[in-house]
N, C-alpha and C. Protein backbone atom coordinates (compact mmCIF):
# COMPACT_ATOMS: atom_id res chain seq x y z
N UNK A 1 146.91 106.77 77.49
CA UNK A 1 147.21 106.94 76.08
C UNK A 1 146.46 105.90 75.24
N UNK A 2 146.29 104.70 75.78
CA UNK A 2 145.58 103.65 75.05
C UNK A 2 144.15 104.07 74.73
N UNK A 3 143.50 104.74 75.66
CA UNK A 3 142.12 105.16 75.47
C UNK A 3 141.95 106.06 74.27
N UNK A 4 142.88 106.98 74.08
CA UNK A 4 142.80 107.90 72.94
C UNK A 4 142.98 107.16 71.62
N UNK A 5 143.89 106.21 71.62
CA UNK A 5 144.11 105.43 70.39
C UNK A 5 142.86 104.62 70.06
N UNK A 6 142.29 103.97 71.07
CA UNK A 6 141.08 103.17 70.85
C UNK A 6 139.93 104.04 70.35
N UNK A 7 139.81 105.24 70.93
CA UNK A 7 138.75 106.15 70.50
C UNK A 7 138.96 106.61 69.06
N UNK A 8 140.20 106.89 68.71
CA UNK A 8 140.52 107.31 67.34
C UNK A 8 140.19 106.20 66.35
N UNK A 9 140.51 104.97 66.70
CA UNK A 9 140.21 103.82 65.84
C UNK A 9 138.70 103.67 65.69
N UNK A 10 137.98 103.78 66.80
CA UNK A 10 136.52 103.66 66.75
C UNK A 10 135.92 104.75 65.86
N UNK A 11 136.37 105.99 66.04
CA UNK A 11 135.84 107.10 65.25
C UNK A 11 136.13 106.93 63.77
N UNK A 12 137.29 106.43 63.44
CA UNK A 12 137.64 106.18 62.04
C UNK A 12 136.71 105.11 61.45
N UNK A 13 136.50 104.03 62.19
CA UNK A 13 135.61 102.97 61.72
C UNK A 13 134.17 103.48 61.60
N UNK A 14 133.76 104.30 62.57
CA UNK A 14 132.42 104.88 62.55
C UNK A 14 132.24 105.73 61.29
N UNK A 15 133.23 106.58 60.99
CA UNK A 15 133.15 107.43 59.79
C UNK A 15 133.05 106.59 58.51
N UNK A 16 133.80 105.50 58.46
CA UNK A 16 133.74 104.60 57.31
C UNK A 16 132.34 103.98 57.20
N UNK A 17 131.79 103.55 58.34
CA UNK A 17 130.45 102.95 58.34
C UNK A 17 129.40 103.95 57.87
N UNK A 18 129.48 105.19 58.35
CA UNK A 18 128.52 106.22 57.93
C UNK A 18 128.63 106.45 56.43
N UNK A 19 129.85 106.56 55.95
CA UNK A 19 130.07 106.78 54.52
C UNK A 19 129.47 105.65 53.68
N UNK A 20 129.67 104.43 54.12
CA UNK A 20 129.11 103.27 53.41
C UNK A 20 127.58 103.28 53.46
N UNK A 21 127.01 103.59 54.63
CA UNK A 21 125.56 103.62 54.75
C UNK A 21 124.95 104.69 53.86
N UNK A 22 125.63 105.82 53.73
CA UNK A 22 125.12 106.91 52.89
C UNK A 22 125.03 106.50 51.43
N UNK A 23 125.82 105.52 51.02
CA UNK A 23 125.76 105.01 49.65
C UNK A 23 124.62 104.03 49.46
N UNK A 24 124.09 103.52 50.56
CA UNK A 24 123.05 102.49 50.49
C UNK A 24 121.67 103.06 50.81
N UNK A 25 121.58 103.89 51.84
CA UNK A 25 120.30 104.43 52.29
C UNK A 25 120.41 105.93 52.55
N UNK A 26 119.27 106.60 52.50
CA UNK A 26 119.22 108.01 52.86
C UNK A 26 118.73 108.13 54.29
N UNK A 27 119.29 109.05 55.03
CA UNK A 27 118.85 109.27 56.39
C UNK A 27 119.57 110.44 57.01
N UNK A 28 119.28 110.68 58.26
CA UNK A 28 119.94 111.74 59.01
C UNK A 28 121.11 111.14 59.78
N UNK A 29 122.00 111.99 60.23
CA UNK A 29 123.15 111.51 61.01
C UNK A 29 122.69 110.72 62.23
N UNK A 30 121.58 111.14 62.85
CA UNK A 30 121.05 110.43 64.02
C UNK A 30 120.61 109.01 63.65
N UNK A 31 120.05 108.88 62.44
CA UNK A 31 119.62 107.55 61.99
C UNK A 31 120.81 106.63 61.79
N UNK A 32 121.84 107.15 61.14
CA UNK A 32 123.05 106.34 60.93
C UNK A 32 123.66 105.95 62.28
N UNK A 33 123.69 106.88 63.22
CA UNK A 33 124.26 106.59 64.55
C UNK A 33 123.47 105.48 65.24
N UNK A 34 122.15 105.55 65.16
CA UNK A 34 121.31 104.54 65.79
C UNK A 34 121.54 103.17 65.16
N UNK A 35 121.59 103.13 63.85
CA UNK A 35 121.79 101.86 63.13
C UNK A 35 123.16 101.27 63.46
N UNK A 36 124.19 102.10 63.41
CA UNK A 36 125.55 101.62 63.68
C UNK A 36 125.67 101.12 65.11
N UNK A 37 125.21 101.92 66.05
CA UNK A 37 125.31 101.54 67.47
C UNK A 37 124.60 100.22 67.72
N UNK A 38 123.40 100.07 67.18
CA UNK A 38 122.64 98.84 67.40
C UNK A 38 123.34 97.62 66.79
N UNK A 39 123.81 97.76 65.56
CA UNK A 39 124.47 96.63 64.91
C UNK A 39 125.78 96.24 65.59
N UNK A 40 126.55 97.22 66.02
CA UNK A 40 127.82 96.91 66.68
C UNK A 40 127.57 96.25 68.04
N UNK A 41 126.55 96.71 68.76
CA UNK A 41 126.26 96.14 70.08
C UNK A 41 125.62 94.75 69.98
N UNK A 42 124.68 94.58 69.05
CA UNK A 42 123.91 93.34 68.97
C UNK A 42 124.42 92.33 67.95
N UNK A 43 125.27 92.79 67.04
CA UNK A 43 125.79 91.96 65.95
C UNK A 43 124.70 91.37 65.06
N UNK A 44 123.53 92.00 65.08
CA UNK A 44 122.42 91.62 64.21
C UNK A 44 121.40 92.75 64.25
N UNK A 45 120.43 92.69 63.34
CA UNK A 45 119.35 93.67 63.33
C UNK A 45 118.33 93.27 64.39
N UNK A 46 118.14 94.14 65.35
CA UNK A 46 117.20 93.86 66.43
C UNK A 46 115.76 94.12 65.99
N UNK A 47 114.83 93.58 66.74
CA UNK A 47 113.41 93.82 66.46
C UNK A 47 113.09 95.30 66.57
N UNK A 48 113.70 95.97 67.52
CA UNK A 48 113.47 97.41 67.70
C UNK A 48 113.95 98.19 66.47
N UNK A 49 115.10 97.82 65.94
CA UNK A 49 115.63 98.49 64.75
C UNK A 49 114.70 98.26 63.56
N UNK A 50 114.18 97.04 63.44
CA UNK A 50 113.23 96.74 62.36
C UNK A 50 111.96 97.59 62.48
N UNK A 51 111.48 97.77 63.71
CA UNK A 51 110.27 98.57 63.92
C UNK A 51 110.53 100.05 63.69
N UNK A 52 111.71 100.51 64.07
CA UNK A 52 112.05 101.93 63.94
C UNK A 52 112.25 102.32 62.48
N UNK A 53 112.86 101.44 61.69
CA UNK A 53 113.17 101.72 60.29
C UNK A 53 112.61 100.65 59.37
N UNK A 54 111.28 100.53 59.28
CA UNK A 54 110.71 99.46 58.46
C UNK A 54 111.03 99.59 56.98
N UNK A 55 111.27 100.80 56.50
CA UNK A 55 111.60 101.00 55.10
C UNK A 55 112.93 100.39 54.70
N UNK A 56 113.77 100.16 55.67
CA UNK A 56 115.09 99.57 55.42
C UNK A 56 115.10 98.10 55.81
N UNK A 57 114.63 97.80 57.01
CA UNK A 57 114.83 96.48 57.57
C UNK A 57 113.69 95.49 57.31
N UNK A 58 112.77 95.84 56.40
CA UNK A 58 111.78 94.87 55.96
C UNK A 58 112.23 94.21 54.65
N UNK A 59 113.27 94.73 54.06
CA UNK A 59 113.85 94.19 52.82
C UNK A 59 115.12 93.42 53.19
N UNK A 60 115.05 92.09 53.13
CA UNK A 60 116.17 91.26 53.61
C UNK A 60 117.45 91.45 52.81
N UNK A 61 117.33 91.75 51.53
CA UNK A 61 118.53 92.02 50.73
C UNK A 61 119.20 93.29 51.24
N UNK A 62 118.40 94.30 51.51
CA UNK A 62 118.93 95.56 52.04
C UNK A 62 119.49 95.37 53.45
N UNK A 63 118.84 94.53 54.26
CA UNK A 63 119.33 94.22 55.60
C UNK A 63 120.76 93.68 55.51
N UNK A 64 120.97 92.73 54.62
CA UNK A 64 122.31 92.13 54.48
C UNK A 64 123.34 93.15 54.03
N UNK A 65 122.95 94.05 53.14
CA UNK A 65 123.88 95.07 52.65
C UNK A 65 124.25 96.05 53.77
N UNK A 66 123.26 96.46 54.56
CA UNK A 66 123.52 97.38 55.67
C UNK A 66 124.39 96.69 56.72
N UNK A 67 124.04 95.46 57.08
CA UNK A 67 124.86 94.71 58.04
C UNK A 67 126.30 94.59 57.54
N UNK A 68 126.45 94.20 56.29
CA UNK A 68 127.79 94.00 55.75
C UNK A 68 128.60 95.29 55.76
N UNK A 69 127.96 96.41 55.43
CA UNK A 69 128.67 97.70 55.42
C UNK A 69 129.19 98.05 56.81
N UNK A 70 128.34 97.89 57.82
CA UNK A 70 128.74 98.24 59.19
C UNK A 70 129.76 97.24 59.71
N UNK A 71 129.50 95.96 59.53
CA UNK A 71 130.41 94.94 60.04
C UNK A 71 131.78 95.03 59.37
N UNK A 72 131.80 95.34 58.09
CA UNK A 72 133.07 95.49 57.38
C UNK A 72 133.85 96.69 57.92
N UNK A 73 133.16 97.80 58.15
CA UNK A 73 133.82 99.00 58.68
C UNK A 73 134.42 98.74 60.05
N UNK A 74 133.74 97.95 60.87
CA UNK A 74 134.22 97.67 62.22
C UNK A 74 135.02 96.36 62.28
N UNK A 75 135.32 95.82 61.11
CA UNK A 75 136.11 94.59 61.01
C UNK A 75 135.49 93.44 61.79
N UNK A 76 134.17 93.31 61.67
CA UNK A 76 133.44 92.25 62.33
C UNK A 76 133.03 91.15 61.35
N UNK A 77 133.52 91.25 60.11
CA UNK A 77 133.21 90.26 59.08
C UNK A 77 134.35 89.26 58.95
N UNK A 78 133.99 88.02 58.68
CA UNK A 78 135.00 87.02 58.33
C UNK A 78 135.31 87.20 56.85
N UNK A 79 136.49 86.86 56.44
CA UNK A 79 136.89 87.04 55.04
C UNK A 79 135.95 86.37 54.06
N UNK A 80 135.41 85.21 54.41
CA UNK A 80 134.53 84.50 53.48
C UNK A 80 133.15 85.15 53.36
N UNK A 81 132.80 86.08 54.26
CA UNK A 81 131.54 86.80 54.16
C UNK A 81 131.62 87.96 53.18
N UNK A 82 132.82 88.27 52.72
CA UNK A 82 133.05 89.47 51.92
C UNK A 82 133.39 89.10 50.48
N UNK A 83 132.60 88.19 49.92
CA UNK A 83 132.96 87.68 48.61
C UNK A 83 132.25 88.37 47.46
N UNK A 84 131.33 89.30 47.74
CA UNK A 84 130.53 89.82 46.64
C UNK A 84 130.27 91.30 46.84
N UNK A 85 131.21 92.11 46.34
CA UNK A 85 131.11 93.56 46.49
C UNK A 85 130.51 94.22 45.26
N UNK A 86 130.04 93.46 44.29
CA UNK A 86 129.55 94.03 43.05
C UNK A 86 128.33 94.91 43.22
N UNK A 87 127.50 94.64 44.23
CA UNK A 87 126.25 95.38 44.37
C UNK A 87 126.35 96.53 45.35
N UNK A 88 127.56 96.99 45.69
CA UNK A 88 127.70 98.07 46.65
C UNK A 88 127.39 99.45 46.08
N UNK A 89 127.47 99.62 44.78
CA UNK A 89 127.22 100.92 44.19
C UNK A 89 125.74 101.07 43.89
N UNK A 90 125.04 101.83 44.74
CA UNK A 90 123.61 102.00 44.61
C UNK A 90 123.26 103.45 44.87
N UNK A 91 122.30 103.96 44.14
CA UNK A 91 121.81 105.31 44.38
C UNK A 91 120.91 105.25 45.62
N UNK A 92 121.11 106.15 46.59
CA UNK A 92 120.23 106.13 47.77
C UNK A 92 118.77 106.19 47.34
N UNK A 93 117.94 105.37 47.99
CA UNK A 93 116.55 105.28 47.54
C UNK A 93 115.53 105.24 48.65
N UNK A 94 115.97 105.20 49.91
CA UNK A 94 115.00 105.03 50.98
C UNK A 94 115.08 106.15 51.99
N UNK A 95 113.95 106.49 52.53
CA UNK A 95 113.89 107.47 53.61
C UNK A 95 113.86 106.69 54.91
N UNK A 96 114.88 106.85 55.74
CA UNK A 96 114.97 106.07 56.97
C UNK A 96 114.64 106.88 58.21
N UNK A 97 113.99 108.00 58.03
CA UNK A 97 113.63 108.84 59.16
C UNK A 97 112.71 108.06 60.09
N UNK A 98 113.04 108.04 61.37
CA UNK A 98 112.25 107.30 62.34
C UNK A 98 110.85 107.90 62.45
N UNK A 99 109.88 107.04 62.70
CA UNK A 99 108.50 107.52 62.88
C UNK A 99 108.32 108.08 64.26
């Protein structure tokens, strides 16, 4: 029974992360899945992620926003890291389709 609860919690957090990413960047579901999986596993933007999505991960301000969105959804942020939510409302502007 524990496994189902854990899976439900993960899926809920995943859905929140996807929703947040869609407000920041444009991409396909596969792109969001790749970004989320990598950030949750590595707790940082990997070199591979930077190479795969240079339109997103070459902009350090955008990197921080994407990291914060995913980490917040998965509750991987400390409270003091979440002090500035004013810039979360952005029109999607980047194509993150992998090359």
